[in-house]
Amino acid sequence: MNAVARRYFTQQAPDKRVLLEKLDALVMKQVPGATISIKWGVPFYELDGKRVCALASFKDHVGINVFAPPEKLADPNKLLEGAGKANRMLKVRSSKDIDSAAISRWLKASVAVASA
């Protein structure tokens, strides 16, 4: 785990930390060349300076914010939230909310957008 992400994760409540670490492992598996920095107080994962995703802790959940236009993010189960033109968020309240296959697809889509 990256030191920047670890520092952020250790500042979170234990239940949130576990979820963030699981999401981080998934992101690093799908985007192995990602660089991580803190922007707006949360870890951002980038490729060649272009945003791929961000992880953040909130009161009732943690979120993975995927940076790609909604039309590029296949979401048949309507798991993603948000109304922006360039990103959507998955709210994770428990390990059961981590749909690895869907998150992997969204990360691939975000990488494709970042690489275009």
N, C-alpha and C. Protein backbone atom coordinates (compact mmCIF):
# COMPACT_ATOMS: atom_id res chain seq x y z
N MET A 1 0.85 -1.19 0.00
CA MET A 1 0.00 0.00 0.00
C MET A 1 0.89 1.24 0.00
N ASN A 2 0.48 2.19 -0.74
CA ASN A 2 1.19 3.46 -0.85
C ASN A 2 1.17 4.22 0.48
N ALA A 3 2.27 4.87 0.81
CA ALA A 3 2.38 5.60 2.08
C ALA A 3 1.37 6.74 2.18
N VAL A 4 1.10 7.40 1.06
CA VAL A 4 0.13 8.51 1.07
C VAL A 4 -1.25 7.98 1.42
N ALA A 5 -1.66 6.89 0.77
CA ALA A 5 -2.97 6.30 1.05
C ALA A 5 -3.01 5.76 2.47
N ARG A 6 -1.94 5.08 2.91
CA ARG A 6 -1.90 4.51 4.25
C ARG A 6 -2.11 5.58 5.31
N ARG A 7 -1.47 6.73 5.12
CA ARG A 7 -1.61 7.83 6.09
C ARG A 7 -3.07 8.26 6.19
N TYR A 8 -3.73 8.40 5.06
CA TYR A 8 -5.16 8.78 5.06
C TYR A 8 -5.99 7.68 5.74
N PHE A 9 -5.76 6.42 5.35
CA PHE A 9 -6.55 5.32 5.88
C PHE A 9 -6.42 5.21 7.39
N THR A 10 -5.22 5.38 7.92
CA THR A 10 -5.02 5.22 9.37
C THR A 10 -5.71 6.33 10.17
N GLN A 11 -6.10 7.41 9.52
CA GLN A 11 -6.80 8.49 10.21
C GLN A 11 -8.32 8.23 10.27
N GLN A 12 -8.77 7.16 9.63
CA GLN A 12 -10.21 6.88 9.57
C GLN A 12 -10.60 5.88 10.65
N ALA A 13 -11.89 5.81 10.93
CA ALA A 13 -12.42 4.84 11.90
C ALA A 13 -12.08 3.43 11.41
N PRO A 14 -11.86 2.48 12.33
CA PRO A 14 -11.46 1.12 11.93
C PRO A 14 -12.38 0.46 10.90
N ASP A 15 -13.69 0.63 11.05
CA ASP A 15 -14.60 0.01 10.09
C ASP A 15 -14.45 0.61 8.69
N LYS A 16 -14.20 1.91 8.62
CA LYS A 16 -14.00 2.57 7.34
C LYS A 16 -12.63 2.20 6.75
N ARG A 17 -11.63 2.09 7.62
CA ARG A 17 -10.28 1.75 7.18
C ARG A 17 -10.26 0.41 6.45
N VAL A 18 -10.97 -0.58 6.99
CA VAL A 18 -11.03 -1.90 6.36
C VAL A 18 -11.60 -1.80 4.95
N LEU A 19 -12.67 -1.05 4.79
CA LEU A 19 -13.29 -0.89 3.47
C LEU A 19 -12.37 -0.15 2.52
N LEU A 20 -11.74 0.91 3.00
CA LEU A 20 -10.81 1.67 2.15
C LEU A 20 -9.64 0.80 1.70
N GLU A 21 -9.12 -0.01 2.60
CA GLU A 21 -8.00 -0.87 2.24
C GLU A 21 -8.40 -1.91 1.19
N LYS A 22 -9.62 -2.44 1.29
CA LYS A 22 -10.10 -3.39 0.28
C LYS A 22 -10.25 -2.70 -1.08
N LEU A 23 -10.79 -1.50 -1.07
CA LEU A 23 -10.94 -0.76 -2.33
C LEU A 23 -9.58 -0.39 -2.91
N ASP A 24 -8.64 0.02 -2.05
CA ASP A 24 -7.29 0.35 -2.50
C ASP A 24 -6.65 -0.85 -3.17
N ALA A 25 -6.78 -2.04 -2.59
CA ALA A 25 -6.18 -3.24 -3.17
C ALA A 25 -6.78 -3.52 -4.55
N LEU A 26 -8.07 -3.31 -4.69
CA LEU A 26 -8.74 -3.52 -5.97
C LEU A 26 -8.25 -2.50 -7.00
N VAL A 27 -8.15 -1.25 -6.59
CA VAL A 27 -7.66 -0.21 -7.50
C VAL A 27 -6.23 -0.52 -7.94
N MET A 28 -5.38 -0.87 -7.01
CA MET A 28 -3.99 -1.12 -7.36
C MET A 28 -3.83 -2.36 -8.25
N LYS A 29 -4.74 -3.33 -8.11
CA LYS A 29 -4.72 -4.51 -8.99
C LYS A 29 -5.12 -4.12 -10.41
N GLN A 30 -6.13 -3.26 -10.53
CA GLN A 30 -6.63 -2.87 -11.86
C GLN A 30 -5.83 -1.74 -12.49
N VAL A 31 -5.19 -0.91 -11.67
CA VAL A 31 -4.44 0.25 -12.17
C VAL A 31 -3.05 0.23 -11.51
N PRO A 32 -2.24 -0.79 -11.85
CA PRO A 32 -0.97 -0.97 -11.13
C PRO A 32 0.01 0.19 -11.26
N GLY A 33 -0.09 0.97 -12.30
CA GLY A 33 0.83 2.09 -12.48
C GLY A 33 0.34 3.40 -11.90
N ALA A 34 -0.73 3.35 -11.13
CA ALA A 34 -1.33 4.58 -10.59
C ALA A 34 -0.38 5.27 -9.62
N THR A 35 -0.39 6.59 -9.69
CA THR A 35 0.28 7.39 -8.66
C THR A 35 -0.82 7.92 -7.75
N ILE A 36 -0.49 8.05 -6.48
CA ILE A 36 -1.49 8.46 -5.49
C ILE A 36 -1.03 9.74 -4.82
N SER A 37 -1.93 10.69 -4.75
CA SER A 37 -1.65 11.93 -4.05
C SER A 37 -2.92 12.36 -3.32
N ILE A 38 -2.76 13.25 -2.37
CA ILE A 38 -3.92 13.77 -1.65
C ILE A 38 -4.37 15.06 -2.33
N LYS A 39 -5.63 15.07 -2.74
CA LYS A 39 -6.26 16.26 -3.32
C LYS A 39 -7.61 16.42 -2.63
N TRP A 40 -7.94 17.62 -2.26
CA TRP A 40 -9.18 17.90 -1.55
C TRP A 40 -9.30 17.01 -0.31
N GLY A 41 -8.17 16.66 0.27
CA GLY A 41 -8.14 15.91 1.51
C GLY A 41 -8.29 14.40 1.40
N VAL A 42 -8.37 13.87 0.18
CA VAL A 42 -8.56 12.42 0.00
C VAL A 42 -7.58 11.88 -1.05
N PRO A 43 -7.31 10.55 -1.02
CA PRO A 43 -6.41 9.96 -2.00
C PRO A 43 -7.01 9.94 -3.41
N PHE A 44 -6.24 10.46 -4.36
CA PHE A 44 -6.59 10.42 -5.78
C PHE A 44 -5.60 9.49 -6.48
N TYR A 45 -6.11 8.66 -7.35
CA TYR A 45 -5.30 7.72 -8.12
C TYR A 45 -5.28 8.24 -9.56
N GLU A 46 -4.07 8.42 -10.09
CA GLU A 46 -3.92 9.01 -11.42
C GLU A 46 -2.97 8.19 -12.28
N LEU A 47 -3.17 8.29 -13.58
CA LEU A 47 -2.25 7.74 -14.57
C LEU A 47 -1.81 8.89 -15.46
N ASP A 48 -0.51 9.08 -15.57
CA ASP A 48 0.03 10.16 -16.40
C ASP A 48 -0.64 11.50 -16.11
N GLY A 49 -0.89 11.76 -14.83
CA GLY A 49 -1.47 13.03 -14.41
C GLY A 49 -2.97 13.17 -14.63
N LYS A 50 -3.62 12.10 -15.09
CA LYS A 50 -5.07 12.16 -15.33
C LYS A 50 -5.79 11.31 -14.29
N ARG A 51 -6.86 11.88 -13.73
CA ARG A 51 -7.61 11.21 -12.66
C ARG A 51 -8.26 9.91 -13.14
N VAL A 52 -8.13 8.88 -12.30
CA VAL A 52 -8.80 7.61 -12.55
C VAL A 52 -9.90 7.42 -11.51
N CYS A 53 -9.55 7.58 -10.23
CA CYS A 53 -10.54 7.44 -9.16
C CYS A 53 -10.03 8.12 -7.90
N ALA A 54 -10.90 8.19 -6.92
CA ALA A 54 -10.54 8.72 -5.60
C ALA A 54 -11.28 7.88 -4.57
N LEU A 55 -10.69 7.75 -3.39
CA LEU A 55 -11.33 7.07 -2.28
C LEU A 55 -11.54 8.08 -1.16
N ALA A 56 -12.67 7.99 -0.48
CA ALA A 56 -12.94 8.94 0.59
C ALA A 56 -13.81 8.30 1.66
N SER A 57 -13.64 8.76 2.88
CA SER A 57 -14.42 8.29 4.00
C SER A 57 -15.45 9.36 4.38
N PHE A 58 -16.67 8.93 4.61
CA PHE A 58 -17.75 9.81 5.02
C PHE A 58 -18.35 9.27 6.32
N LYS A 59 -19.31 9.96 6.87
CA LYS A 59 -19.90 9.56 8.15
C LYS A 59 -20.50 8.14 8.09
N ASP A 60 -21.28 7.86 7.06
CA ASP A 60 -22.01 6.60 6.99
C ASP A 60 -21.49 5.61 5.96
N HIS A 61 -20.43 5.97 5.23
CA HIS A 61 -19.93 5.09 4.18
C HIS A 61 -18.54 5.54 3.75
N VAL A 62 -17.93 4.74 2.89
CA VAL A 62 -16.76 5.20 2.16
C VAL A 62 -17.19 5.22 0.70
N GLY A 63 -16.47 5.97 -0.10
CA GLY A 63 -16.84 6.07 -1.50
C GLY A 63 -15.66 5.88 -2.41
N ILE A 64 -15.93 5.29 -3.56
CA ILE A 64 -14.96 5.27 -4.64
C ILE A 64 -15.58 6.08 -5.76
N ASN A 65 -14.90 7.15 -6.09
CA ASN A 65 -15.36 8.08 -7.12
C ASN A 65 -14.59 7.74 -8.39
N VAL A 66 -15.30 7.33 -9.43
CA VAL A 66 -14.69 6.92 -10.68
C VAL A 66 -14.83 8.05 -11.69
N PHE A 67 -13.71 8.44 -12.27
CA PHE A 67 -13.69 9.57 -13.19
C PHE A 67 -13.81 9.11 -14.64
N ALA A 68 -15.04 9.05 -15.11
CA ALA A 68 -15.37 8.75 -16.50
C ALA A 68 -16.80 9.24 -16.72
N PRO A 69 -17.12 9.63 -17.93
CA PRO A 69 -18.50 10.05 -18.20
C PRO A 69 -19.46 8.88 -17.93
N PRO A 70 -20.64 9.17 -17.40
CA PRO A 70 -21.58 8.11 -17.04
C PRO A 70 -21.87 7.13 -18.18
N GLU A 71 -21.88 7.61 -19.41
CA GLU A 71 -22.19 6.72 -20.53
C GLU A 71 -21.09 5.67 -20.75
N LYS A 72 -19.93 5.88 -20.18
CA LYS A 72 -18.82 4.91 -20.28
C LYS A 72 -18.85 3.89 -19.15
N LEU A 73 -19.71 4.10 -18.15
CA LEU A 73 -19.75 3.26 -16.96
C LEU A 73 -20.99 2.38 -16.97
N ALA A 74 -20.85 1.17 -17.48
CA ALA A 74 -21.98 0.24 -17.50
C ALA A 74 -22.40 -0.05 -16.07
N ASP A 75 -23.67 0.24 -15.76
CA ASP A 75 -24.16 0.11 -14.39
C ASP A 75 -25.60 -0.43 -14.40
N PRO A 76 -25.78 -1.69 -14.85
CA PRO A 76 -27.14 -2.23 -14.95
C PRO A 76 -27.86 -2.35 -13.60
N ASN A 77 -27.11 -2.47 -12.51
CA ASN A 77 -27.73 -2.59 -11.19
C ASN A 77 -27.92 -1.25 -10.49
N LYS A 78 -27.59 -0.16 -11.20
CA LYS A 78 -27.79 1.20 -10.66
C LYS A 78 -27.11 1.40 -9.30
N LEU A 79 -25.85 0.99 -9.24
CA LEU A 79 -25.08 1.12 -8.00
C LEU A 79 -24.42 2.48 -7.86
N LEU A 80 -24.14 3.11 -8.98
CA LEU A 80 -23.43 4.40 -8.96
C LEU A 80 -24.38 5.56 -8.69
N GLU A 81 -23.86 6.55 -8.00
CA GLU A 81 -24.65 7.74 -7.67
C GLU A 81 -23.95 8.98 -8.19
N GLY A 82 -24.72 10.05 -8.35
CA GLY A 82 -24.16 11.32 -8.76
C GLY A 82 -24.78 11.82 -10.04
N ALA A 83 -24.54 13.09 -10.31
CA ALA A 83 -25.13 13.71 -11.49
C ALA A 83 -24.11 14.47 -12.32
N GLY A 84 -22.84 14.33 -12.01
CA GLY A 84 -21.81 15.06 -12.75
C GLY A 84 -21.63 14.53 -14.16
N LYS A 85 -20.98 15.32 -14.99
CA LYS A 85 -20.73 14.93 -16.38
C LYS A 85 -19.51 14.03 -16.53
N ALA A 86 -18.65 13.97 -15.50
CA ALA A 86 -17.39 13.27 -15.67
C ALA A 86 -17.07 12.26 -14.58
N ASN A 87 -18.02 11.95 -13.71
CA ASN A 87 -17.72 10.99 -12.66
C ASN A 87 -18.99 10.48 -11.98
N ARG A 88 -18.82 9.35 -11.29
CA ARG A 88 -19.88 8.75 -10.48
C ARG A 88 -19.25 8.14 -9.24
N MET A 89 -20.06 7.94 -8.18
CA MET A 89 -19.55 7.38 -6.94
C MET A 89 -20.32 6.13 -6.54
N LEU A 90 -19.57 5.15 -6.06
CA LEU A 90 -20.15 3.99 -5.42
C LEU A 90 -20.00 4.18 -3.92
N LYS A 91 -21.12 4.15 -3.21
CA LYS A 91 -21.09 4.25 -1.75
C LYS A 91 -20.99 2.85 -1.17
N VAL A 92 -19.99 2.65 -0.32
CA VAL A 92 -19.73 1.35 0.28
C VAL A 92 -19.96 1.45 1.78
N ARG A 93 -20.94 0.71 2.26
CA ARG A 93 -21.27 0.72 3.68
C ARG A 93 -20.76 -0.53 4.40
N SER A 94 -20.55 -1.61 3.61
CA SER A 94 -20.02 -2.85 4.17
C SER A 94 -19.27 -3.58 3.05
N SER A 95 -18.55 -4.62 3.43
CA SER A 95 -17.81 -5.41 2.42
C SER A 95 -18.74 -5.98 1.36
N LYS A 96 -20.00 -6.24 1.71
CA LYS A 96 -20.96 -6.77 0.75
C LYS A 96 -21.22 -5.81 -0.40
N ASP A 97 -20.97 -4.52 -0.18
CA ASP A 97 -21.20 -3.51 -1.22
C ASP A 97 -20.05 -3.45 -2.24
N ILE A 98 -18.98 -4.17 -1.98
CA ILE A 98 -17.83 -4.14 -2.89
C ILE A 98 -18.04 -5.19 -3.98
N ASP A 99 -18.55 -4.74 -5.11
CA ASP A 99 -18.78 -5.60 -6.28
C ASP A 99 -17.51 -5.51 -7.12
N SER A 100 -16.59 -6.45 -6.88
CA SER A 100 -15.27 -6.39 -7.52
C SER A 100 -15.35 -6.37 -9.05
N ALA A 101 -16.24 -7.16 -9.61
CA ALA A 101 -16.37 -7.21 -11.07
C ALA A 101 -16.81 -5.86 -11.63
N ALA A 102 -17.82 -5.26 -11.01
CA ALA A 102 -18.32 -3.96 -11.48
C ALA A 102 -17.26 -2.88 -11.29
N ILE A 103 -16.63 -2.85 -10.13
CA ILE A 103 -15.61 -1.83 -9.87
C ILE A 103 -14.45 -1.99 -10.87
N SER A 104 -14.06 -3.21 -11.15
CA SER A 104 -12.99 -3.45 -12.12
C SER A 104 -13.37 -2.92 -13.50
N ARG A 105 -14.61 -3.15 -13.92
CA ARG A 105 -15.09 -2.62 -15.21
C ARG A 105 -15.03 -1.10 -15.23
N TRP A 106 -15.50 -0.48 -14.14
CA TRP A 106 -15.51 0.98 -14.08
C TRP A 106 -14.09 1.54 -14.09
N LEU A 107 -13.18 0.88 -13.38
CA LEU A 107 -11.79 1.35 -13.38
C LEU A 107 -11.18 1.23 -14.77
N LYS A 108 -11.47 0.13 -15.47
CA LYS A 108 -10.97 -0.03 -16.84
C LYS A 108 -11.51 1.07 -17.74
N ALA A 109 -12.79 1.41 -17.56
CA ALA A 109 -13.39 2.49 -18.35
C ALA A 109 -12.72 3.82 -18.04
N SER A 110 -12.45 4.05 -16.77
CA SER A 110 -11.80 5.30 -16.37
C SER A 110 -10.38 5.38 -16.92
N VAL A 111 -9.67 4.26 -16.90
CA VAL A 111 -8.30 4.22 -17.45
C VAL A 111 -8.36 4.51 -18.96
N ALA A 112 -9.34 3.94 -19.64
CA ALA A 112 -9.48 4.19 -21.08
C ALA A 112 -9.72 5.67 -21.36
N VAL A 113 -10.55 6.31 -20.56
CA VAL A 113 -10.82 7.74 -20.72
C VAL A 113 -9.55 8.54 -20.44
N ALA A 114 -8.84 8.17 -19.36
CA ALA A 114 -7.62 8.88 -18.99
C ALA A 114 -6.54 8.72 -20.05
N SER A 115 -6.55 7.59 -20.74
CA SER A 115 -5.50 7.30 -21.74
C SER A 115 -5.85 7.87 -23.11
N ALA A 116 -7.08 8.30 -23.30
CA ALA A 116 -7.51 8.78 -24.62
C ALA A 116 -6.91 10.14 -24.94
